[in-house]
PDB file of all heavy atoms in Angstrom:
ATOM      1  N   ILE A   1     -38.336  43.782 148.954  1.00  0.00           N
ATOM      2  CA  ILE A   1     -37.101  44.126 149.694  1.00  0.00           C
ATOM      3  C   ILE A   1     -36.665  42.898 150.468  1.00  0.00           C
ATOM      4  O   ILE A   1     -37.462  42.340 151.251  1.00  0.00           O
ATOM      5  CB  ILE A   1     -37.333  45.314 150.649  1.00  0.00           C
ATOM      6  CG1 ILE A   1     -37.650  46.583 149.852  1.00  0.00           C
ATOM      7  CG2 ILE A   1     -36.088  45.548 151.508  1.00  0.00           C
ATOM      8  CD1 ILE A   1     -37.960  47.783 150.731  1.00  0.00           C
ATOM      9  N   ASP A   2     -35.407  42.490 150.265  1.00  0.00           N
ATOM     10  CA  ASP A   2     -34.874  41.280 150.911  1.00  0.00           C
ATOM     11  C   ASP A   2     -34.417  41.624 152.326  1.00  0.00           C
ATOM     12  O   ASP A   2     -33.233  41.831 152.591  1.00  0.00           O
ATOM     13  CB  ASP A   2     -33.726  40.711 150.078  1.00  0.00           C
ATOM     14  CG  ASP A   2     -33.253  39.360 150.611  1.00  0.00           C
ATOM     15  OD1 ASP A   2     -33.909  38.821 151.514  1.00  0.00           O
ATOM     16  OD2 ASP A   2     -32.209  38.867 150.116  1.00  0.00           O
ATOM     17  N   ASP A   3     -35.369  41.687 153.266  1.00  0.00           N
ATOM     18  CA  ASP A   3     -35.016  42.022 154.653  1.00  0.00           C
ATOM     19  C   ASP A   3     -34.087  40.978 155.261  1.00  0.00           C
ATOM     20  O   ASP A   3     -33.140  41.306 155.979  1.00  0.00           O
ATOM     21  CB  ASP A   3     -36.287  42.142 155.496  1.00  0.00           C
ATOM     22  CG  ASP A   3     -37.169  43.284 155.028  1.00  0.00           C
ATOM     23  OD1 ASP A   3     -36.625  44.379 154.818  1.00  0.00           O
ATOM     24  OD2 ASP A   3     -38.384  43.073 154.855  1.00  0.00           O
ATOM     25  N   TYR A   4     -34.379  39.720 154.987  1.00  0.00           N
ATOM     26  CA  TYR A   4     -33.528  38.653 155.539  1.00  0.00           C
ATOM     27  C   TYR A   4     -32.104  38.746 154.986  1.00  0.00           C
ATOM     28  O   TYR A   4     -31.115  38.605 155.716  1.00  0.00           O
ATOM     29  CB  TYR A   4     -34.140  37.286 155.228  1.00  0.00           C
ATOM     30  CG  TYR A   4     -33.263  36.129 155.629  1.00  0.00           C
ATOM     31  CD1 TYR A   4     -33.138  35.762 156.959  1.00  0.00           C
ATOM     32  CD2 TYR A   4     -32.548  35.414 154.664  1.00  0.00           C
ATOM     33  CE1 TYR A   4     -32.322  34.704 157.315  1.00  0.00           C
ATOM     34  CE2 TYR A   4     -31.739  34.355 155.014  1.00  0.00           C
ATOM     35  CZ  TYR A   4     -31.612  34.007 156.349  1.00  0.00           C
ATOM     36  OH  TYR A   4     -30.800  32.965 156.708  1.00  0.00           O
ATOM     37  N   GLY A   5     -31.997  38.985 153.677  1.00  0.00           N
ATOM     38  CA  GLY A   5     -30.663  39.097 153.081  1.00  0.00           C
ATOM     39  C   GLY A   5     -29.892  40.276 153.629  1.00  0.00           C
ATOM     40  O   GLY A   5     -28.690  40.173 153.905  1.00  0.00           O
ATOM     41  N   VAL A   6     -30.607  41.431 153.803  1.00  0.00           N
ATOM     42  CA  VAL A   6     -29.932  42.613 154.371  1.00  0.00           C
ATOM     43  C   VAL A   6     -29.451  42.319 155.788  1.00  0.00           C
ATOM     44  O   VAL A   6     -28.314  42.644 156.162  1.00  0.00           O
ATOM     45  CB  VAL A   6     -30.885  43.828 154.349  1.00  0.00           C
ATOM     46  CG1 VAL A   6     -30.276  44.996 155.109  1.00  0.00           C
ATOM     47  CG2 VAL A   6     -31.197  44.232 152.917  1.00  0.00           C
ATOM     48  N   ARG A   7     -30.314  41.668 156.590  1.00  0.00           N
ATOM     49  CA  ARG A   7     -29.916  41.338 157.966  1.00  0.00           C
ATOM     50  C   ARG A   7     -28.750  40.354 157.981  1.00  0.00           C
ATOM     51  O   ARG A   7     -27.809  40.486 158.771  1.00  0.00           O
ATOM     52  CB  ARG A   7     -31.118  40.760 158.709  1.00  0.00           C
ATOM     53  CG  ARG A   7     -30.837  40.489 160.182  1.00  0.00           C
ATOM     54  CD  ARG A   7     -32.100  40.124 160.940  1.00  0.00           C
ATOM     55  NE  ARG A   7     -32.710  38.893 160.431  1.00  0.00           N
ATOM     56  CZ  ARG A   7     -33.820  38.867 159.703  1.00  0.00           C
ATOM     57  NH1 ARG A   7     -34.434  39.999 159.365  1.00  0.00           N
ATOM     58  NH2 ARG A   7     -34.321  37.712 159.303  1.00  0.00           N
ATOM     59  N   THR A   8     -28.807  39.383 157.081  1.00  0.00           N
ATOM     60  CA  THR A   8     -27.729  38.396 157.017  1.00  0.00           C
ATOM     61  C   THR A   8     -26.406  39.044 156.612  1.00  0.00           C
ATOM     62  O   THR A   8     -25.351  38.736 157.173  1.00  0.00           O
ATOM     63  CB  THR A   8     -28.086  37.281 156.024  1.00  0.00           C
ATOM     64  OG1 THR A   8     -29.322  36.676 156.414  1.00  0.00           O
ATOM     65  CG2 THR A   8     -26.995  36.222 155.981  1.00  0.00           C
ATOM     66  N   MET A   9     -26.448  39.959 155.646  1.00  0.00           N
ATOM     67  CA  MET A   9     -25.219  40.613 155.220  1.00  0.00           C
ATOM     68  C   MET A   9     -24.661  41.520 156.312  1.00  0.00           C
ATOM     69  O   MET A   9     -23.437  41.639 156.478  1.00  0.00           O
ATOM     70  CB  MET A   9     -25.463  41.417 153.941  1.00  0.00           C
ATOM     71  CG  MET A   9     -25.768  40.554 152.716  1.00  0.00           C
ATOM     72  SD  MET A   9     -24.571  39.235 152.434  1.00  0.00           S
ATOM     73  CE  MET A   9     -23.068  40.186 152.221  1.00  0.00           C
ATOM     74  N   ASN A  10     -25.558  42.165 157.065  1.00  0.00           N
ATOM     75  CA  ASN A  10     -25.076  42.983 158.193  1.00  0.00           C
ATOM     76  C   ASN A  10     -24.395  42.118 159.242  1.00  0.00           C
ATOM     77  O   ASN A  10     -23.362  42.498 159.817  1.00  0.00           O
ATOM     78  CB  ASN A  10     -26.244  43.753 158.812  1.00  0.00           C
ATOM     79  CG  ASN A  10     -26.743  44.861 157.900  1.00  0.00           C
ATOM     80  OD1 ASN A  10     -26.000  45.365 157.050  1.00  0.00           O
ATOM     81  ND2 ASN A  10     -28.012  45.251 158.061  1.00  0.00           N
ATOM     82  N   GLU A  11     -24.984  40.950 159.507  1.00  0.00           N
ATOM     83  CA  GLU A  11     -24.352  40.028 160.450  1.00  0.00           C
ATOM     84  C   GLU A  11     -23.005  39.541 159.906  1.00  0.00           C
ATOM     85  O   GLU A  11     -22.033  39.408 160.654  1.00  0.00           O
ATOM     86  CB  GLU A  11     -25.282  38.845 160.717  1.00  0.00           C
ATOM     87  CG  GLU A  11     -26.548  39.221 161.482  1.00  0.00           C
ATOM     88  CD  GLU A  11     -27.501  38.052 161.615  1.00  0.00           C
ATOM     89  OE1 GLU A  11     -27.207  36.982 161.021  1.00  0.00           O
ATOM     90  OE2 GLU A  11     -28.532  38.200 162.313  1.00  0.00           O
ATOM     91  N   ALA A  12     -22.966  39.268 158.589  1.00  0.00           N
ATOM     92  CA  ALA A  12     -21.701  38.843 157.985  1.00  0.00           C
ATOM     93  C   ALA A  12     -20.643  39.924 158.102  1.00  0.00           C
ATOM     94  O   ALA A  12     -19.465  39.651 158.385  1.00  0.00           O
ATOM     95  CB  ALA A  12     -21.922  38.468 156.520  1.00  0.00           C
ATOM     96  N   LEU A  13     -21.074  41.191 157.904  1.00  0.00           N
ATOM     97  CA  LEU A  13     -20.124  42.303 158.067  1.00  0.00           C
ATOM     98  C   LEU A  13     -19.606  42.374 159.497  1.00  0.00           C
ATOM     99  O   LEU A  13     -18.414  42.616 159.726  1.00  0.00           O
ATOM    100  CB  LEU A  13     -20.797  43.619 157.678  1.00  0.00           C
ATOM    101  CG  LEU A  13     -20.874  43.944 156.181  1.00  0.00           C
ATOM    102  CD1 LEU A  13     -21.661  45.222 155.967  1.00  0.00           C
ATOM    103  CD2 LEU A  13     -19.464  44.080 155.596  1.00  0.00           C
ATOM    104  N   ALA A  14     -20.492  42.178 160.467  1.00  0.00           N
ATOM    105  CA  ALA A  14     -20.074  42.220 161.872  1.00  0.00           C
ATOM    106  C   ALA A  14     -19.077  41.098 162.168  1.00  0.00           C
ATOM    107  O   ALA A  14     -18.062  41.305 162.840  1.00  0.00           O
ATOM    108  CB  ALA A  14     -21.296  42.122 162.788  1.00  0.00           C
ATOM    109  N   VAL A  15     -19.394  39.889 161.659  1.00  0.00           N
ATOM    110  CA  VAL A  15     -18.484  38.759 161.880  1.00  0.00           C
ATOM    111  C   VAL A  15     -17.131  39.010 161.219  1.00  0.00           C
ATOM    112  O   VAL A  15     -16.068  38.756 161.806  1.00  0.00           O
ATOM    113  CB  VAL A  15     -19.116  37.456 161.354  1.00  0.00           C
ATOM    114  CG1 VAL A  15     -18.105  36.315 161.390  1.00  0.00           C
ATOM    115  CG2 VAL A  15     -20.346  37.099 162.175  1.00  0.00           C
ATOM    116  N   MET A  16     -17.156  39.530 159.982  1.00  0.00           N
ATOM    117  CA  MET A  16     -15.891  39.802 159.298  1.00  0.00           C
ATOM    118  C   MET A  16     -15.104  40.909 159.985  1.00  0.00           C
ATOM    119  O   MET A  16     -13.872  40.871 160.056  1.00  0.00           O
ATOM    120  CB  MET A  16     -16.164  40.162 157.834  1.00  0.00           C
ATOM    121  CG  MET A  16     -16.569  38.966 156.978  1.00  0.00           C
ATOM    122  SD  MET A  16     -16.611  39.338 155.204  1.00  0.00           S
ATOM    123  CE  MET A  16     -18.017  40.439 155.143  1.00  0.00           C
ATOM    124  N   GLY A  17     -15.832  41.924 160.522  1.00  0.00           N
ATOM    125  CA  GLY A  17     -15.146  42.974 161.256  1.00  0.00           C
ATOM    126  C   GLY A  17     -14.469  42.442 162.499  1.00  0.00           C
ATOM    127  O   GLY A  17     -13.315  42.780 162.804  1.00  0.00           O
ATOM    128  N   PHE A  18     -15.207  41.576 163.249  1.00  0.00           N
ATOM    129  CA  PHE A  18     -14.608  40.963 164.440  1.00  0.00           C
ATOM    130  C   PHE A  18     -13.414  40.085 164.057  1.00  0.00           C
ATOM    131  O   PHE A  18     -12.360  40.124 164.694  1.00  0.00           O
ATOM    132  CB  PHE A  18     -15.667  40.145 165.180  1.00  0.00           C
ATOM    133  CG  PHE A  18     -15.135  39.384 166.357  1.00  0.00           C
ATOM    134  CD1 PHE A  18     -14.870  40.018 167.556  1.00  0.00           C
ATOM    135  CD2 PHE A  18     -14.885  38.009 166.257  1.00  0.00           C
ATOM    136  CE1 PHE A  18     -14.369  39.315 168.642  1.00  0.00           C
ATOM    137  CE2 PHE A  18     -14.393  37.303 167.338  1.00  0.00           C
ATOM    138  CZ  PHE A  18     -14.136  37.959 168.534  1.00  0.00           C
ATOM    139  N   THR A  19     -13.610  39.288 162.983  1.00  0.00           N
ATOM    140  CA  THR A  19     -12.516  38.430 162.516  1.00  0.00           C
ATOM    141  C   THR A  19     -11.315  39.249 162.091  1.00  0.00           C
ATOM    142  O   THR A  19     -10.156  38.892 162.382  1.00  0.00           O
ATOM    143  CB  THR A  19     -12.997  37.560 161.340  1.00  0.00           C
ATOM    144  OG1 THR A  19     -14.140  36.811 161.731  1.00  0.00           O
ATOM    145  CG2 THR A  19     -11.899  36.614 160.884  1.00  0.00           C
ATOM    146  N   PHE A  20     -11.582  40.372 161.423  1.00  0.00           N
ATOM    147  CA  PHE A  20     -10.488  41.239 160.988  1.00  0.00           C
ATOM    148  C   PHE A  20      -9.717  41.790 162.187  1.00  0.00           C
ATOM    149  O   PHE A  20      -8.483  41.810 162.193  1.00  0.00           O
ATOM    150  CB  PHE A  20     -11.048  42.384 160.147  1.00  0.00           C
ATOM    151  CG  PHE A  20     -10.006  43.374 159.712  1.00  0.00           C
ATOM    152  CD1 PHE A  20      -9.130  43.071 158.678  1.00  0.00           C
ATOM    153  CD2 PHE A  20      -9.900  44.599 160.335  1.00  0.00           C
ATOM    154  CE1 PHE A  20      -8.172  43.984 158.275  1.00  0.00           C
ATOM    155  CE2 PHE A  20      -8.943  45.517 159.948  1.00  0.00           C
ATOM    156  CZ  PHE A  20      -8.081  45.212 158.920  1.00  0.00           C
ATOM    157  N   GLY A  21     -10.450  42.240 163.221  1.00  0.00           N
ATOM    158  CA  GLY A  21      -9.772  42.770 164.400  1.00  0.00           C
ATOM    159  C   GLY A  21      -8.920  41.727 165.097  1.00  0.00           C
ATOM    160  O   GLY A  21      -7.758  41.982 165.462  1.00  0.00           O
ATOM    161  N   VAL A  22      -9.499  40.517 165.299  1.00  0.00           N
ATOM    162  CA  VAL A  22      -8.727  39.443 165.942  1.00  0.00           C
ATOM    163  C   VAL A  22      -7.524  39.056 165.096  1.00  0.00           C
ATOM    164  O   VAL A  22      -6.422  38.830 165.606  1.00  0.00           O
ATOM    165  CB  VAL A  22      -9.640  38.225 166.190  1.00  0.00           C
ATOM    166  CG1 VAL A  22      -8.826  37.048 166.706  1.00  0.00           C
ATOM    167  CG2 VAL A  22     -10.737  38.586 167.180  1.00  0.00           C
ATOM    168  N   THR A  23      -7.751  39.001 163.774  1.00  0.00           N
ATOM    169  CA  THR A  23      -6.647  38.623 162.881  1.00  0.00           C
ATOM    170  C   THR A  23      -5.521  39.647 162.916  1.00  0.00           C
ATOM    171  O   THR A  23      -4.340  39.289 162.881  1.00  0.00           O
ATOM    172  CB  THR A  23      -7.176  38.460 161.440  1.00  0.00           C
ATOM    173  OG1 THR A  23      -8.216  37.497 161.429  1.00  0.00           O
ATOM    174  CG2 THR A  23      -6.057  38.013 160.505  1.00  0.00           C
ATOM    175  N   VAL A  24      -5.884  40.933 162.985  1.00  0.00           N
ATOM    176  CA  VAL A  24      -4.848  41.971 163.058  1.00  0.00           C
ATOM    177  C   VAL A  24      -4.022  41.802 164.326  1.00  0.00           C
ATOM    178  O   VAL A  24      -2.779  41.902 164.306  1.00  0.00           O
ATOM    179  CB  VAL A  24      -5.486  43.368 162.993  1.00  0.00           C
ATOM    180  CG1 VAL A  24      -4.463  44.448 163.346  1.00  0.00           C
ATOM    181  CG2 VAL A  24      -6.044  43.634 161.602  1.00  0.00           C
ATOM    182  N   LEU A  25      -4.698  41.535 165.457  1.00  0.00           N
ATOM    183  CA  LEU A  25      -3.962  41.322 166.713  1.00  0.00           C
ATOM    184  C   LEU A  25      -3.050  40.103 166.612  1.00  0.00           C
ATOM    185  O   LEU A  25      -1.877  40.148 167.029  1.00  0.00           O
ATOM    186  CB  LEU A  25      -4.944  41.154 167.875  1.00  0.00           C
ATOM    187  CG  LEU A  25      -5.786  42.386 168.233  1.00  0.00           C
ATOM    188  CD1 LEU A  25      -6.759  42.055 169.362  1.00  0.00           C
ATOM    189  CD2 LEU A  25      -4.893  43.557 168.633  1.00  0.00           C
ATOM    190  N   LEU A  26      -3.597  39.000 166.060  1.00  0.00           N
ATOM    191  CA  LEU A  26      -2.766  37.810 165.880  1.00  0.00           C
ATOM    192  C   LEU A  26      -1.623  38.087 164.920  1.00  0.00           C
ATOM    193  O   LEU A  26      -0.489  37.613 165.120  1.00  0.00           O
ATOM    194  CB  LEU A  26      -3.619  36.652 165.356  1.00  0.00           C
ATOM    195  CG  LEU A  26      -4.609  36.037 166.340  1.00  0.00           C
ATOM    196  CD1 LEU A  26      -5.459  34.990 165.633  1.00  0.00           C
ATOM    197  CD2 LEU A  26      -3.878  35.419 167.519  1.00  0.00           C
ATOM    198  N   MET A  27      -1.897  38.858 163.884  1.00  0.00           N
ATOM    199  CA  MET A  27      -0.880  39.157 162.893  1.00  0.00           C
ATOM    200  C   MET A  27       0.262  39.964 163.508  1.00  0.00           C
ATOM    201  O   MET A  27       1.439  39.735 163.233  1.00  0.00           O
ATOM    202  CB  MET A  27      -1.513  39.916 161.724  1.00  0.00           C
ATOM    203  CG  MET A  27      -0.689  39.932 160.453  1.00  0.00           C
ATOM    204  SD  MET A  27      -1.599  40.793 159.152  1.00  0.00           S
ATOM    205  CE  MET A  27      -3.062  39.755 159.039  1.00  0.00           C
ATOM    206  N   VAL A  28      -0.102  40.928 164.372  1.00  0.00           N
ATOM    207  CA  VAL A  28       0.931  41.725 165.041  1.00  0.00           C
ATOM    208  C   VAL A  28       1.793  40.833 165.926  1.00  0.00           C
ATOM    209  O   VAL A  28       3.027  40.903 165.906  1.00  0.00           O
ATOM    210  CB  VAL A  28       0.279  42.852 165.864  1.00  0.00           C
ATOM    211  CG1 VAL A  28       1.321  43.551 166.734  1.00  0.00           C
ATOM    212  CG2 VAL A  28      -0.390  43.873 164.944  1.00  0.00           C
ATOM    213  N   GLY A  29       1.116  39.945 166.718  1.00  0.00           N
ATOM    214  CA  GLY A  29       1.885  39.043 167.580  1.00  0.00           C
ATOM    215  C   GLY A  29       2.752  38.083 166.792  1.00  0.00           C
ATOM    216  O   GLY A  29       3.923  37.877 167.115  1.00  0.00           O
ATOM    217  N   LEU A  30       2.164  37.486 165.736  1.00  0.00           N
ATOM    218  CA  LEU A  30       2.922  36.538 164.931  1.00  0.00           C
ATOM    219  C   LEU A  30       4.057  37.230 164.175  1.00  0.00           C
ATOM    220  O   LEU A  30       5.137  36.649 163.991  1.00  0.00           O
ATOM    221  CB  LEU A  30       1.997  35.828 163.944  1.00  0.00           C
ATOM    222  CG  LEU A  30       0.983  34.857 164.554  1.00  0.00           C
ATOM    223  CD1 LEU A  30       0.063  34.310 163.471  1.00  0.00           C
ATOM    224  CD2 LEU A  30       1.702  33.709 165.267  1.00  0.00           C
TER     225      LEU A  30
END
């Protein structure tokens, strides 16, 4: 079981979720 890969992908999902939220706010303003 790739524990490191699972943890890394979860972190990537969190980063992409945060990026998506910030981007949506910027997109609304722009």
